[in-house]
Protein backbone atom coordinates (compact mmCIF):
# COMPACT_ATOMS: atom_id res chain seq x y z
CA MET A 1 -43.71 -177.16 -160.38
CA ILE A 2 -41.61 -177.32 -163.55
CA LYS A 3 -38.60 -176.18 -161.52
CA TYR A 4 -38.97 -179.19 -159.17
CA VAL A 5 -39.40 -181.58 -162.11
CA ILE A 6 -36.16 -180.29 -163.69
CA LEU A 7 -34.36 -180.60 -160.34
CA PHE A 8 -35.64 -184.16 -159.96
CA ILE A 9 -34.40 -185.08 -163.46
CA HIS A 10 -30.96 -183.67 -162.65
CA LEU A 11 -30.80 -185.69 -159.43
CA ILE A 12 -31.79 -188.87 -161.25
CA GLY A 13 -29.15 -188.21 -163.90
CA LEU A 14 -26.49 -187.63 -161.25
CA SER A 15 -27.44 -190.85 -159.45
CA ILE A 16 -27.25 -192.88 -162.67
CA TYR A 17 -23.86 -191.33 -163.49
CA GLN A 18 -22.44 -192.20 -160.06
CA LEU A 19 -23.91 -195.70 -160.24
CA PHE A 20 -22.07 -196.53 -163.45
CA PHE A 21 -18.95 -194.40 -163.19
CA GLY A 22 -18.36 -194.13 -159.44
CA ASP A 23 -16.82 -191.16 -157.68
CA VAL A 24 -13.25 -191.48 -158.98
CA THR A 25 -12.67 -188.85 -161.67
CA ALA A 26 -9.78 -187.45 -163.69
CA SER A 27 -9.63 -184.33 -165.85
CA GLN A 28 -6.95 -182.23 -167.48
CA LYS A 29 -6.33 -178.59 -168.39
CA ILE A 30 -4.35 -177.89 -171.59
CA PRO A 31 -4.25 -174.71 -173.70
CA ASP A 32 -6.08 -175.25 -176.99
CA LYS A 33 -3.57 -173.24 -179.08
CA ILE A 34 0.19 -172.70 -178.84
CA ASN A 35 3.02 -171.79 -181.18
CA ALA A 36 5.51 -174.43 -182.24
CA GLY A 37 8.47 -174.56 -179.89
CA GLU A 38 6.60 -172.89 -177.02
CA GLU A 39 6.29 -174.34 -173.53
CA VAL A 40 2.96 -174.65 -171.66
CA THR A 41 1.75 -176.26 -168.43
CA VAL A 42 -0.52 -179.31 -168.35
CA GLU A 43 -2.55 -179.85 -165.17
CA ILE A 44 -4.30 -183.12 -164.31
CA ASN A 45 -6.88 -183.07 -161.52
CA ILE A 46 -7.67 -186.32 -159.67
CA THR A 47 -10.62 -186.98 -157.37
CA LYS A 48 -9.79 -190.30 -155.71
CA GLU A 49 -12.53 -190.69 -153.05
CA ASN A 50 -11.71 -193.92 -151.13
CA VAL A 51 -8.93 -195.12 -153.44
CA ASN A 52 -5.51 -195.62 -151.84
CA GLY A 53 -2.30 -197.53 -152.52
CA PHE A 54 -0.87 -198.20 -155.99
CA ALA A 55 -1.97 -195.86 -158.79
CA LYS A 56 -0.75 -194.53 -162.13
CA VAL A 57 -1.51 -191.69 -164.54
CA GLN A 58 -0.42 -192.40 -168.11
CA GLN A 59 -0.62 -190.29 -171.27
CA THR A 60 0.78 -190.88 -174.75
CA LEU A 61 2.01 -187.71 -176.44
CA PRO A 62 2.26 -187.18 -180.22
CA SER A 63 5.68 -187.41 -181.85
CA GLY A 64 7.70 -184.25 -181.38
CA PHE A 65 6.18 -183.48 -177.97
CA PHE A 66 8.23 -183.54 -174.76
CA ALA A 67 7.32 -183.48 -171.05
CA GLU A 68 9.11 -182.30 -167.91
CA VAL A 69 7.66 -182.69 -164.42
CA ILE A 70 6.54 -179.69 -162.35
CA ASP A 71 4.56 -181.20 -159.45
CA ALA A 72 4.21 -184.99 -159.09
CA LYS A 73 2.50 -185.04 -155.66
CA GLY A 74 4.81 -187.80 -154.42
CA ALA A 75 4.67 -189.90 -157.58
CA THR A 76 7.60 -191.19 -159.61
CA PHE A 77 7.59 -189.28 -162.92
CA SER A 78 8.96 -190.62 -166.18
CA PHE A 79 8.84 -189.65 -169.85
CA LYS A 80 10.00 -192.34 -172.24
CA GLU A 81 9.04 -193.23 -175.81
CA ASN A 82 6.40 -190.45 -175.91
CA THR A 83 4.71 -191.78 -172.76
CA VAL A 84 4.15 -189.69 -169.63
CA LYS A 85 3.82 -191.69 -166.40
CA PHE A 86 3.14 -190.71 -162.78
CA ILE A 87 3.37 -193.80 -160.51
CA TRP A 88 2.42 -193.80 -156.82
CA MET A 89 3.18 -196.55 -154.34
CA ALA A 90 0.62 -194.79 -152.12
CA LEU A 91 -1.71 -192.03 -153.30
CA PRO A 92 -1.76 -188.64 -151.55
CA SER A 93 -4.12 -188.44 -148.56
CA ASP A 94 -6.05 -185.51 -150.06
CA ASN A 95 -9.34 -186.44 -151.70
CA GLN A 96 -8.55 -184.07 -154.58
CA PHE A 97 -5.10 -183.21 -155.87
CA THR A 98 -3.47 -181.80 -159.01
CA ILE A 99 -0.30 -182.92 -160.77
CA SER A 100 1.40 -180.93 -163.51
CA TYR A 101 4.16 -181.01 -166.10
CA LYS A 102 5.67 -178.79 -168.78
CA LEU A 103 4.66 -179.59 -172.35
CA LYS A 104 6.79 -178.38 -175.24
CA THR A 105 7.30 -179.23 -178.90
CA THR A 106 10.00 -178.96 -181.50
CA VAL A 107 9.75 -175.91 -183.78
CA ASP A 108 8.79 -178.03 -186.79
CA VAL A 109 5.66 -179.57 -185.22
CA VAL A 110 2.48 -178.12 -186.79
CA GLY A 111 -1.13 -179.33 -186.82
CA ASP A 112 -4.08 -180.40 -184.71
CA PHE A 113 -3.48 -183.01 -182.02
CA SER A 114 -5.46 -184.80 -179.32
CA ILE A 115 -4.10 -185.77 -175.88
CA GLY A 116 -5.99 -188.09 -173.54
CA GLY A 117 -4.93 -190.62 -170.92
CA LYS A 118 -5.92 -192.93 -168.08
CA PHE A 119 -5.86 -192.93 -164.30
CA SER A 120 -5.32 -196.53 -163.12
CA PHE A 121 -5.71 -197.78 -159.55
CA ILE A 122 -6.24 -200.95 -157.51
CA SER A 123 -9.69 -201.82 -156.11
CA ASP A 124 -10.94 -205.22 -154.90
CA ASN A 125 -7.61 -206.75 -155.95
CA GLU A 126 -8.22 -205.62 -159.51
CA ARG A 127 -6.76 -202.88 -161.63
CA LYS A 128 -9.35 -200.32 -162.72
CA ASN A 129 -9.14 -197.41 -165.14
CA VAL A 130 -10.74 -193.99 -165.36
CA ASP A 131 -10.33 -192.20 -168.69
CA ILE A 132 -8.88 -188.70 -168.78
CA PRO A 133 -11.06 -186.95 -171.40
CA ALA A 134 -9.04 -186.07 -174.49
CA SER A 135 -8.20 -182.41 -175.13
CA SER A 136 -7.51 -180.91 -178.56
CA ILE A 137 -4.51 -178.69 -179.10
CA THR A 138 -3.50 -176.78 -182.24
CA ILE A 139 0.20 -176.17 -182.90
CA SER A 140 0.94 -173.40 -185.38
CA LYS A 141 4.03 -171.58 -186.57
CA GLN A 142 4.56 -167.95 -185.60
CA ASP A 143 3.45 -165.04 -187.82
CA ASN A 144 4.69 -165.42 -191.41
CA ILE A 145 6.37 -161.99 -191.36
CA VAL A 146 8.38 -162.89 -188.33
CA ALA A 147 9.25 -166.20 -189.89
CA GLU A 148 10.46 -164.50 -193.10
CA GLU A 149 12.58 -162.00 -191.17
CA LYS A 150 14.33 -164.81 -189.33
CA LEU A 151 14.25 -167.31 -192.17
CA PRO A 152 17.99 -168.19 -192.29
CA GLU A 153 18.28 -168.51 -188.53
CA THR A 154 15.00 -170.40 -188.16
CA THR A 155 15.88 -172.79 -190.96
CA VAL A 156 19.19 -173.68 -189.35
CA GLU A 157 17.65 -174.11 -185.91
CA SER A 158 14.82 -176.24 -187.28
CA THR A 159 17.22 -178.51 -189.14
CA ASN A 160 19.55 -178.92 -186.16
CA THR A 161 16.67 -179.58 -183.80
CA ALA A 162 15.16 -182.18 -186.10
CA GLU A 163 18.50 -183.95 -186.41
CA THR A 164 19.02 -183.90 -182.65
CA VAL A 165 15.56 -185.31 -181.99
CA SER A 166 16.08 -188.00 -184.62
CA GLN A 167 19.36 -189.06 -183.04
CA ASN A 168 17.82 -189.13 -179.56
CA VAL A 169 14.89 -191.23 -180.74
CA VAL A 170 17.17 -193.73 -182.49
CA GLU A 171 19.40 -194.02 -179.44
CA THR A 172 16.42 -194.45 -177.12
CA ILE A 173 14.86 -197.18 -179.24
CA ALA A 174 18.19 -198.98 -179.62
CA SER A 175 18.87 -198.92 -175.90
CA THR A 176 15.31 -200.02 -175.14
CA ASN A 177 15.63 -203.06 -177.40
CA GLN A 178 18.87 -204.07 -175.68
CA VAL A 179 17.90 -203.58 -172.03
CA LYS A 180 19.54 -206.21 -169.85
CA VAL A 181 18.77 -206.30 -166.14
CA GLU A 182 21.79 -206.99 -163.94
CA LEU A 183 21.24 -208.24 -160.38
CA ALA A 184 23.41 -209.23 -157.43
CA THR A 185 21.81 -210.12 -154.08
CA THR A 186 23.10 -210.92 -150.61
CA ARG A 187 20.82 -212.15 -147.82
CA THR A 188 21.86 -212.07 -144.14
CA ILE A 189 20.04 -213.22 -140.99
CA GLU A 190 20.77 -211.63 -137.62
CA LYS A 191 19.28 -212.58 -134.24
CA THR A 192 17.70 -209.61 -132.46
CA GLY A 193 16.19 -210.60 -129.13
CA GLU A 194 13.51 -213.21 -129.71
CA LYS A 195 13.36 -212.42 -133.44
CA TYR A 196 15.57 -212.91 -136.48
CA LYS A 197 16.08 -210.00 -138.87
CA VAL A 198 16.34 -211.01 -142.53
CA THR A 199 18.06 -208.39 -144.71
CA LEU A 200 18.46 -208.56 -148.48
CA LYS A 201 20.92 -206.21 -150.20
CA ILE A 202 20.17 -205.70 -153.89
CA ASN A 203 22.58 -204.26 -156.45
CA GLN A 204 20.83 -203.62 -159.75
CA LYS A 205 21.05 -202.05 -163.17
CA ASN A 206 18.02 -201.43 -165.42
CA LEU A 207 15.52 -202.87 -162.92
CA ASP A 208 12.22 -201.18 -163.81
CA GLY A 209 8.49 -201.73 -163.33
CA PHE A 210 6.95 -204.65 -161.45
CA ALA A 211 9.19 -206.68 -159.14
CA LYS A 212 8.63 -209.24 -156.38
CA TYR A 213 10.92 -210.56 -153.65
CA SER A 214 9.72 -213.78 -152.00
CA ASP A 215 11.16 -216.13 -149.35
CA ALA A 216 9.90 -219.50 -148.14
CA ILE A 217 9.62 -219.38 -144.33
CA PRO A 218 10.28 -222.65 -142.43
CA ALA A 219 7.44 -224.34 -140.54
CA GLY A 220 7.12 -223.12 -136.97
CA PHE A 221 7.94 -219.50 -137.84
CA ILE A 222 6.06 -216.47 -139.14
CA ALA A 223 7.27 -213.30 -140.90
CA THR A 224 6.47 -209.67 -140.06
CA THR A 225 7.35 -206.46 -141.88
CA ASP A 226 10.32 -204.19 -141.18
CA ASN A 227 11.59 -202.21 -144.19
CA PRO A 228 9.96 -203.00 -147.57
CA GLU A 229 11.68 -200.04 -149.31
CA GLY A 230 8.47 -198.65 -150.78
CA GLY A 231 6.98 -202.05 -151.57
CA ILE A 232 4.02 -203.88 -150.05
CA PHE A 233 4.92 -206.64 -147.56
CA SER A 234 2.71 -209.67 -147.03
CA TYR A 235 2.99 -213.04 -145.33
CA ASN A 236 0.69 -215.92 -146.15
CA GLU A 237 0.94 -219.71 -145.95
CA GLY A 238 4.67 -219.80 -145.27
CA GLU A 239 5.69 -217.24 -147.86
CA ALA A 240 7.00 -213.72 -147.18
CA LYS A 241 6.65 -211.32 -150.12
CA ILE A 242 7.50 -207.74 -150.99
CA LEU A 243 5.76 -206.51 -154.14
CA TRP A 244 6.61 -203.34 -156.08
CA MET A 245 4.53 -201.78 -158.84
CA SER A 246 7.63 -199.74 -159.67
CA ALA A 247 10.94 -201.14 -158.40
CA PRO A 248 13.32 -198.78 -156.53
CA LYS A 249 15.57 -196.79 -158.85
CA LYS A 250 18.63 -196.84 -156.59
CA GLU A 251 21.51 -198.98 -157.85
CA GLU A 252 21.89 -200.40 -154.33
CA PHE A 253 19.14 -200.75 -151.75
CA THR A 254 18.15 -203.08 -148.91
CA VAL A 255 14.88 -204.56 -147.70
CA SER A 256 14.24 -206.42 -144.46
CA TYR A 257 11.65 -208.30 -142.44
CA PHE A 258 11.51 -210.27 -139.18
CA ILE A 259 11.11 -213.99 -138.49
CA GLU A 260 9.40 -214.91 -135.23
CA PRO A 261 9.02 -218.38 -133.67
CA THR A 262 5.57 -219.78 -132.88
CA ASN A 263 4.46 -222.27 -130.24
CA ASP A 264 5.20 -225.04 -132.73
CA SER A 265 8.84 -224.04 -133.24
CA LYS A 266 11.48 -226.72 -132.75
CA ASN A 267 15.19 -226.35 -132.10
CA GLY A 268 17.46 -226.78 -135.08
CA THR A 269 19.07 -225.19 -138.11
CA PHE A 270 16.78 -223.90 -140.85
CA ASP A 271 17.29 -222.69 -144.41
CA ILE A 272 15.58 -219.78 -146.13
CA ASN A 273 15.30 -219.92 -149.92
CA GLY A 274 13.81 -217.32 -152.20
CA SER A 275 13.89 -215.40 -155.44
CA LEU A 276 13.52 -211.96 -156.99
CA SER A 277 11.11 -211.83 -159.95
CA TYR A 278 11.16 -208.90 -162.36
CA LEU A 279 10.32 -207.77 -165.89
CA GLU A 280 12.96 -207.69 -168.61
CA ASN A 281 11.77 -206.49 -172.02
CA ASP A 282 8.17 -207.23 -170.92
CA GLU A 283 9.04 -210.84 -169.99
CA THR A 284 9.06 -212.22 -166.45
CA GLN A 285 12.47 -213.35 -165.22
CA LYS A 286 13.48 -214.93 -161.91
CA HIS A 287 16.74 -214.36 -160.03
CA ILE A 288 17.43 -217.16 -157.50
CA ILE A 289 18.80 -215.97 -154.16
CA ASN A 290 21.36 -218.20 -152.46
CA SER A 291 20.13 -220.17 -149.45
CA THR A 292 20.74 -218.67 -146.00
CA SER A 293 20.72 -220.61 -142.69
CA PHE A 294 19.91 -219.70 -139.11
CA THR A 295 19.89 -221.70 -135.87
CA TYR A 296 17.04 -221.60 -133.39
CA ASN A 297 17.44 -222.76 -129.77
CA ALA A 298 14.49 -222.18 -127.49
CA GLN A 299 15.39 -221.09 -123.96
CA PRO A 300 14.69 -224.01 -121.56
CA LEU A 301 12.02 -223.32 -118.97
CA ALA A 302 13.28 -223.04 -115.38
CA GLN A 303 12.47 -226.19 -113.41
CA VAL A 304 10.31 -225.55 -110.34
CA GLU A 305 10.40 -228.13 -107.54
CA PRO A 306 6.85 -229.23 -106.75
CA GLU A 307 5.60 -228.00 -103.38
CA LYS A 308 4.81 -230.71 -100.83
CA VAL A 309 1.19 -230.63 -99.76
CA VAL A 310 0.10 -232.30 -96.50
CA GLU A 311 -3.49 -233.42 -96.73
CA THR A 312 -5.72 -233.17 -93.68
CA PRO A 313 -8.07 -236.12 -93.27
CA LYS A 314 -11.67 -235.14 -93.77
CA GLU A 315 -14.83 -236.87 -92.72
CA ASN A 316 -16.40 -238.60 -95.66
CA LYS A 317 -20.08 -238.00 -96.09
CA SER A 318 -21.49 -240.33 -98.62
CA THR A 319 -24.88 -240.10 -100.21
CA ALA A 320 -26.59 -242.81 -102.11
CA THR A 321 -26.98 -241.98 -105.73
CA GLU A 322 -28.36 -243.90 -108.61
CA PRO A 323 -25.88 -244.76 -111.31
CA SER A 324 -26.38 -242.40 -114.19
CA LYS A 325 -27.67 -243.85 -117.39
CA PRO A 326 -25.56 -243.33 -120.46
CA LYS A 327 -27.09 -240.92 -122.93
CA GLU A 328 -28.44 -242.50 -126.04
CA ASN A 329 -27.27 -240.94 -129.28
CA LYS A 330 -30.17 -240.79 -131.65
CA VAL A 331 -29.24 -240.80 -135.30
CA VAL A 332 -31.91 -239.38 -137.54
CA THR A 333 -31.68 -240.31 -141.18
CA THR A 334 -33.58 -238.41 -143.78
CA GLU A 335 -34.07 -239.28 -147.37
CA LYS A 336 -32.10 -236.89 -149.55
CA GLN A 337 -34.38 -234.89 -151.79
CA PRO A 338 -33.27 -234.17 -155.33
CA SER A 339 -32.31 -230.55 -155.93
CA THR A 340 -31.72 -228.54 -159.06
CA ALA A 341 -29.71 -225.85 -157.22
CA PRO A 342 -25.99 -225.62 -157.99
CA GLU A 343 -23.94 -227.50 -155.45
CA VAL A 344 -21.67 -225.73 -152.95
CA THR A 345 -18.51 -227.81 -152.71
CA SER A 346 -14.97 -227.39 -151.39
CA ILE A 347 -12.11 -226.45 -153.70
CA PRO A 348 -9.54 -229.23 -154.23
CA ASN A 349 -6.10 -228.38 -152.91
CA ALA A 350 -4.05 -229.67 -155.85
CA GLU A 351 -3.68 -226.96 -158.48
CA LYS A 352 -0.84 -226.24 -160.87
CA GLY A 353 0.28 -222.96 -162.40
CA VAL A 354 -1.60 -219.67 -162.41
CA THR A 355 -5.40 -219.82 -162.39
CA TYR A 356 -8.20 -217.27 -162.19
CA LYS A 357 -11.64 -217.61 -160.59
CA VAL A 358 -14.61 -215.40 -159.73
CA GLN A 359 -15.60 -214.66 -156.11
CA VAL A 360 -19.34 -214.16 -155.64
CA GLY A 361 -19.54 -213.76 -151.86
CA ALA A 362 -17.87 -214.15 -148.47
CA GLY A 363 -18.94 -214.58 -144.85
CA HIS A 364 -18.16 -216.24 -141.55
CA GLN A 365 -20.87 -218.92 -141.81
CA THR A 366 -21.68 -221.43 -144.51
CA VAL A 367 -24.86 -221.09 -146.50
CA SER A 368 -27.16 -223.68 -148.02
CA LYS A 369 -26.32 -224.98 -151.44
CA ASN A 370 -29.33 -223.30 -153.02
CA TYR A 371 -28.57 -219.88 -151.46
CA PHE A 372 -27.01 -218.29 -154.55
CA ALA A 373 -29.56 -219.90 -156.87
CA SER A 374 -32.60 -218.72 -154.90
CA LYS A 375 -31.31 -215.27 -153.88
CA PHE A 376 -29.34 -214.28 -156.99
CA ASN A 377 -30.62 -216.71 -159.64
CA LEU A 378 -27.03 -217.89 -160.14
CA ASN A 379 -27.05 -221.17 -162.04
CA GLU A 380 -23.38 -222.00 -161.47
CA SER A 381 -21.57 -224.57 -159.33
CA VAL A 382 -20.28 -222.65 -156.30
CA ALA A 383 -17.17 -223.83 -154.44
CA ILE A 384 -16.03 -222.94 -150.90
CA GLU A 385 -12.63 -221.50 -150.08
CA ASN A 386 -11.36 -220.79 -146.55
CA HIS A 387 -9.06 -217.76 -146.67
CA ASP A 388 -7.93 -215.25 -144.01
CA GLY A 389 -10.66 -216.33 -141.59
CA TRP A 390 -13.43 -215.94 -144.18
CA ILE A 391 -15.56 -218.48 -146.00
CA LYS A 392 -15.41 -217.38 -149.62
CA TYR A 393 -17.64 -218.59 -152.43
CA ILE A 394 -15.96 -219.14 -155.79
CA VAL A 395 -17.18 -219.88 -159.32
CA GLY A 396 -15.19 -221.35 -162.22
CA LYS A 397 -11.47 -221.93 -162.86
CA PHE A 398 -9.63 -220.45 -165.83
CA THR A 399 -6.06 -220.35 -167.08
CA GLU A 400 -6.63 -217.09 -168.99
CA TYR A 401 -7.44 -213.83 -167.19
CA LYS A 402 -9.74 -212.70 -170.02
CA GLN A 403 -11.90 -215.82 -169.60
CA ALA A 404 -12.34 -215.10 -165.89
CA LYS A 405 -13.09 -211.44 -166.66
CA ASP A 406 -15.79 -212.44 -169.16
CA LYS A 407 -17.31 -214.82 -166.60
CA ARG A 408 -17.26 -212.05 -163.99
CA ASN A 409 -19.09 -209.72 -166.38
CA ASP A 410 -21.78 -212.37 -166.94
CA ILE A 411 -22.19 -213.00 -163.20
CA ARG A 412 -22.47 -209.27 -162.47
CA ASN A 413 -25.86 -209.36 -164.17
CA ASN A 414 -26.94 -211.20 -160.99
CA ILE A 415 -24.29 -210.30 -158.38
CA LYS A 416 -22.95 -206.75 -158.78
CA THR A 417 -20.02 -207.25 -156.37
CA ALA A 418 -18.45 -210.28 -158.10
CA PHE A 419 -14.74 -209.93 -158.88
CA VAL A 420 -11.80 -211.94 -160.28
CA THR A 421 -9.40 -213.75 -157.95
CA ALA A 422 -6.00 -215.25 -158.81
CA TYR A 423 -3.95 -218.24 -157.63
CA ASN A 424 -0.45 -219.61 -158.11
CA GLN A 425 -0.01 -223.32 -157.38
CA GLY A 426 -3.30 -223.15 -155.47
CA LYS A 427 -2.21 -220.21 -153.28
CA ARG A 428 -4.23 -217.02 -153.53
CA ILE A 429 -2.28 -214.02 -154.88
CA THR A 430 -3.17 -210.63 -156.34
CA VAL A 431 -4.39 -210.41 -159.92
CA GLN A 432 -1.52 -208.04 -160.75
CA GLU A 433 1.03 -210.57 -159.50
CA ALA A 434 -0.65 -213.37 -161.46
CA LEU A 435 -0.58 -211.32 -164.66
CA MET A 436 3.12 -210.65 -164.14
CA ILE A 437 3.92 -214.33 -163.50
CA SER A 438 1.83 -215.63 -166.41
CA ASN A 439 2.87 -212.76 -168.71
CA GLN A 440 -0.75 -212.09 -169.64
CA LYS A 441 -2.47 -208.88 -170.67
CA TRP A 442 -4.88 -206.99 -168.43
CA TYR A 443 -8.36 -206.37 -169.84
CA GLN A 444 -10.75 -203.68 -168.67
């Protein structure tokens, strides 16, 4: 009996853990002791479950530590200013995978250190983090006798290494403070069958991190993906976008997409205007791309001569019928009853700048205005938003992401699935894009 009680307690504990922490996990394997100047392997194990798309592993190493990639599992690896980063545009398909890198120190590093980190990913249009539990590592010098035997040589090596590291750090910091992004872009439009292929050639220096290419598509046309060069393509409300979490490293690369006419297309010459947004020293900058024109001429439909039809006289058989009475439209008026439930209204179209809201539900049919109050005890004014064929229910409007996040946390006491949404000039965009545009900080 006691055995079953213990098993039941373990199952309850596991359920509570999964309820609060989910199935996404991250752990690391690091030796707890090494000698100064030695090289060891760090392994990070990720269990991603249903997470896909953009993701990042980040660790900050103590001063005097260095990292070199071994196995990145398709990620872009970087080590800069004591920070280790693995960035994926799309996570590996395996549910569990392990990445690794070499960890080494200078010969003068001694002491006890702690190394942790985070695994960040995108879920419900929001960035989420899973902590990598910190591991302790002790760095010690080699045996004193050995050190005394090699004292002159070791002293020289230690001094030279320290000087070299110092110079490298100074140069890195200096270059980081003076990073200047250089961009040159050329857009071309080529007719291919019934479509138009839009190609943008980008020459860049020092382009790093988040970047976004966007074009305004003329009315009567839509855009479809072709080659986003590792980015994510989207088309919505007349705007074609390619978004990168980590911009391509190549000094020259091209992206492309297609323009297709719709039934509302009209003949004429049309302009495409756009821009390339990017981060420079943690500030959002915008590079304007020169306007490009294309001419659309719909193929005229072949004229078909109407066929002559000879009618054969038919005997008319008439029947007496009573003239039909027009239907009476009955209008029923009811006295509006006062209600204390929060009103469900429509969102006004005119909005300026970047805003954040909280989505509390979505469906294909409208609900009564007291639905959220009666079912979820939500005492907030709920607005309606039509987006991508869904009727979405929104609460609040904030200019700061943290305010929307705090509101979401309050609402989750009633509605567990509530999440933050973002808008630019009234158009719905991803939270990550909004943070980049508004240069705001992400809060967990």
